[in-house]
């Protein structure tokens, strides 16, 4: 089964640390990075999808309680 996650960060330094930690934990970058501008905070938010192979099969009925795309 492939696990997909979206890493985000409030600034470039925080985002780079999160991506580095994910890569060190066995995740792989997936797709193109995205930038979003937060008009209230006047900052750019970086995002990148990552993928990791995991044992097991996808079970939709238990996914809602155990699935989180991002810490932000």
N, C-alpha and C. Protein backbone atom coordinates (compact mmCIF):
# COMPACT_ATOMS: atom_id res chain seq x y z
N UNK A 1 0.85 -1.16 0.00
CA UNK A 1 0.00 0.00 0.00
C UNK A 1 0.90 1.23 0.00
N UNK A 2 0.50 2.25 -0.73
CA UNK A 2 1.22 3.52 -0.72
C UNK A 2 0.51 4.49 0.19
N UNK A 3 1.28 5.13 1.05
CA UNK A 3 0.75 6.19 1.90
C UNK A 3 1.11 7.52 1.27
N UNK A 4 0.16 8.41 1.16
CA UNK A 4 0.39 9.75 0.61
C UNK A 4 0.21 10.76 1.73
N UNK A 5 1.06 11.76 1.73
CA UNK A 5 0.98 12.82 2.75
C UNK A 5 1.35 14.14 2.10
N UNK A 6 0.82 15.21 2.62
CA UNK A 6 1.15 16.55 2.14
C UNK A 6 1.88 17.28 3.26
N UNK A 7 3.15 17.61 3.01
CA UNK A 7 3.92 18.39 3.96
C UNK A 7 3.73 19.86 3.65
N UNK A 8 3.51 20.66 4.67
CA UNK A 8 3.43 22.10 4.48
C UNK A 8 4.30 22.78 5.52
N UNK A 9 4.64 24.00 5.27
CA UNK A 9 5.44 24.75 6.21
C UNK A 9 5.15 26.23 6.11
N UNK A 10 5.21 26.95 7.25
CA UNK A 10 4.89 28.36 7.25
C UNK A 10 5.97 29.24 6.63
N UNK A 11 7.16 28.71 6.44
CA UNK A 11 8.24 29.47 5.80
C UNK A 11 9.22 28.48 5.18
N UNK A 12 10.15 29.00 4.37
CA UNK A 12 11.07 28.12 3.65
C UNK A 12 11.91 27.25 4.58
N UNK A 13 12.41 27.82 5.67
CA UNK A 13 13.28 27.07 6.58
C UNK A 13 12.53 25.92 7.24
N UNK A 14 11.32 26.19 7.74
CA UNK A 14 10.52 25.14 8.37
C UNK A 14 10.13 24.07 7.37
N UNK A 15 9.77 24.48 6.17
CA UNK A 15 9.39 23.54 5.13
C UNK A 15 10.57 22.62 4.78
N UNK A 16 11.75 23.19 4.61
CA UNK A 16 12.94 22.39 4.26
C UNK A 16 13.27 21.39 5.36
N UNK A 17 13.11 21.78 6.62
CA UNK A 17 13.36 20.86 7.73
C UNK A 17 12.36 19.71 7.71
N UNK A 18 11.10 20.00 7.42
CA UNK A 18 10.08 18.94 7.37
C UNK A 18 10.33 17.98 6.21
N UNK A 19 10.71 18.51 5.04
CA UNK A 19 11.01 17.64 3.90
C UNK A 19 12.24 16.78 4.19
N UNK A 20 13.28 17.38 4.76
CA UNK A 20 14.49 16.62 5.09
C UNK A 20 14.18 15.49 6.08
N UNK A 21 13.38 15.79 7.10
CA UNK A 21 13.01 14.77 8.08
C UNK A 21 12.22 13.64 7.43
N UNK A 22 11.30 13.99 6.53
CA UNK A 22 10.50 12.97 5.83
C UNK A 22 11.38 12.10 4.95
N UNK A 23 12.30 12.70 4.21
CA UNK A 23 13.20 11.93 3.36
C UNK A 23 14.06 10.99 4.19
N UNK A 24 14.53 11.46 5.33
CA UNK A 24 15.33 10.61 6.22
C UNK A 24 14.52 9.48 6.83
N UNK A 25 13.20 9.64 6.88
CA UNK A 25 12.32 8.60 7.42
C UNK A 25 11.81 7.64 6.34
N UNK A 26 12.33 7.77 5.12
CA UNK A 26 11.96 6.84 4.06
C UNK A 26 10.88 7.30 3.10
N UNK A 27 10.37 8.52 3.24
CA UNK A 27 9.38 9.05 2.32
C UNK A 27 10.07 9.52 1.05
N UNK A 28 9.32 9.60 -0.06
CA UNK A 28 9.85 10.08 -1.34
C UNK A 28 8.97 11.24 -1.83
N UNK A 29 9.60 12.23 -2.46
CA UNK A 29 8.85 13.35 -3.03
C UNK A 29 7.97 12.85 -4.15
N UNK A 30 6.80 13.44 -4.30
CA UNK A 30 5.83 13.02 -5.31
C UNK A 30 5.20 14.26 -5.94
N UNK A 31 5.27 14.37 -7.23
CA UNK A 31 4.66 15.50 -7.92
C UNK A 31 5.49 16.77 -7.77
N UNK A 32 4.90 17.86 -8.16
CA UNK A 32 5.58 19.16 -8.10
C UNK A 32 5.24 19.89 -6.81
N UNK A 33 6.18 20.67 -6.28
CA UNK A 33 5.87 21.47 -5.09
C UNK A 33 4.87 22.58 -5.44
N UNK A 34 4.17 23.07 -4.44
CA UNK A 34 3.19 24.12 -4.64
C UNK A 34 3.45 25.26 -3.67
N UNK A 35 3.14 26.46 -4.11
CA UNK A 35 3.26 27.64 -3.26
C UNK A 35 1.89 28.32 -3.16
N UNK A 36 1.52 28.71 -1.96
CA UNK A 36 0.27 29.43 -1.72
C UNK A 36 0.61 30.67 -0.91
N UNK A 37 0.01 31.79 -1.27
CA UNK A 37 0.27 33.03 -0.53
C UNK A 37 -0.85 33.29 0.46
N UNK A 38 -0.48 33.41 1.75
CA UNK A 38 -1.42 33.73 2.82
C UNK A 38 -1.49 35.24 2.93
N UNK A 39 -2.60 35.83 2.47
CA UNK A 39 -2.72 37.29 2.43
C UNK A 39 -2.81 37.92 3.82
N UNK A 40 -3.38 37.20 4.78
CA UNK A 40 -3.49 37.74 6.14
C UNK A 40 -2.13 37.79 6.83
N UNK A 41 -1.36 36.71 6.71
CA UNK A 41 -0.04 36.66 7.35
C UNK A 41 1.04 37.27 6.47
N UNK A 42 0.68 37.54 5.22
CA UNK A 42 1.63 38.08 4.23
C UNK A 42 2.88 37.22 4.10
N UNK A 43 2.64 35.93 3.88
CA UNK A 43 3.75 34.99 3.70
C UNK A 43 3.36 33.90 2.71
N UNK A 44 4.35 33.27 2.15
CA UNK A 44 4.15 32.17 1.21
C UNK A 44 4.23 30.86 1.98
N UNK A 45 3.27 29.99 1.75
CA UNK A 45 3.26 28.68 2.37
C UNK A 45 3.69 27.66 1.32
N UNK A 46 4.71 26.88 1.63
CA UNK A 46 5.22 25.86 0.72
C UNK A 46 4.53 24.53 1.01
N UNK A 47 4.35 23.71 -0.03
CA UNK A 47 3.74 22.39 0.14
C UNK A 47 4.37 21.41 -0.83
N UNK A 48 4.46 20.14 -0.41
CA UNK A 48 5.00 19.09 -1.26
C UNK A 48 4.36 17.77 -0.86
N UNK A 49 3.87 17.03 -1.84
CA UNK A 49 3.33 15.70 -1.58
C UNK A 49 4.49 14.72 -1.44
N UNK A 50 4.32 13.76 -0.51
CA UNK A 50 5.32 12.71 -0.34
C UNK A 50 4.62 11.36 -0.30
N UNK A 51 5.35 10.29 -0.60
CA UNK A 51 4.80 8.94 -0.70
C UNK A 51 5.72 7.98 0.02
N UNK A 52 5.12 6.96 0.65
CA UNK A 52 5.90 5.91 1.30
C UNK A 52 5.19 4.58 1.14
N UNK A 53 5.95 3.55 0.80
CA UNK A 53 5.39 2.20 0.72
C UNK A 53 5.20 1.66 2.13
N UNK A 54 4.06 1.01 2.37
CA UNK A 54 3.78 0.43 3.69
C UNK A 54 3.11 -0.92 3.52
N UNK A 55 3.32 -1.79 4.49
CA UNK A 55 2.66 -3.09 4.46
C UNK A 55 1.17 -2.93 4.69
N UNK A 56 0.39 -3.83 4.14
CA UNK A 56 -1.05 -3.82 4.38
C UNK A 56 -1.85 -3.34 3.18
N UNK A 57 -3.15 -3.38 3.35
CA UNK A 57 -4.10 -2.98 2.32
C UNK A 57 -4.91 -1.78 2.82
N UNK A 58 -5.42 -1.02 1.87
CA UNK A 58 -6.26 0.15 2.19
C UNK A 58 -7.61 -0.33 2.68
N UNK A 59 -8.05 0.21 3.82
CA UNK A 59 -9.36 -0.10 4.36
C UNK A 59 -10.09 1.20 4.62
N UNK A 60 -11.03 1.53 3.74
CA UNK A 60 -11.71 2.83 3.79
C UNK A 60 -12.47 3.04 5.10
N UNK A 61 -13.02 1.98 5.68
CA UNK A 61 -13.84 2.18 6.89
C UNK A 61 -13.01 2.63 8.10
N UNK A 62 -11.72 2.32 8.14
CA UNK A 62 -10.90 2.75 9.27
C UNK A 62 -10.04 3.96 8.94
N UNK A 63 -10.08 4.41 7.70
CA UNK A 63 -9.19 5.50 7.27
C UNK A 63 -9.53 6.83 7.92
N UNK A 64 -10.80 7.13 8.09
CA UNK A 64 -11.19 8.44 8.61
C UNK A 64 -10.64 8.70 10.00
N UNK A 65 -10.52 7.69 10.81
CA UNK A 65 -10.03 7.89 12.18
C UNK A 65 -8.51 7.86 12.28
N UNK A 66 -7.82 7.32 11.27
CA UNK A 66 -6.37 7.17 11.35
C UNK A 66 -5.60 7.94 10.30
N UNK A 67 -6.25 8.78 9.52
CA UNK A 67 -5.61 9.40 8.37
C UNK A 67 -5.49 10.90 8.58
N UNK A 68 -4.29 11.42 8.38
CA UNK A 68 -4.06 12.86 8.51
C UNK A 68 -3.10 13.27 7.38
N UNK A 69 -3.50 14.28 6.61
CA UNK A 69 -2.68 14.72 5.50
C UNK A 69 -1.50 15.58 5.93
N UNK A 70 -1.67 16.39 6.94
CA UNK A 70 -0.63 17.34 7.29
C UNK A 70 -0.73 17.73 8.75
N UNK A 71 0.39 18.13 9.32
CA UNK A 71 0.40 18.64 10.69
C UNK A 71 -0.04 20.08 10.76
N UNK A 72 -0.08 20.79 9.61
CA UNK A 72 -0.50 22.19 9.59
C UNK A 72 -1.90 22.31 9.05
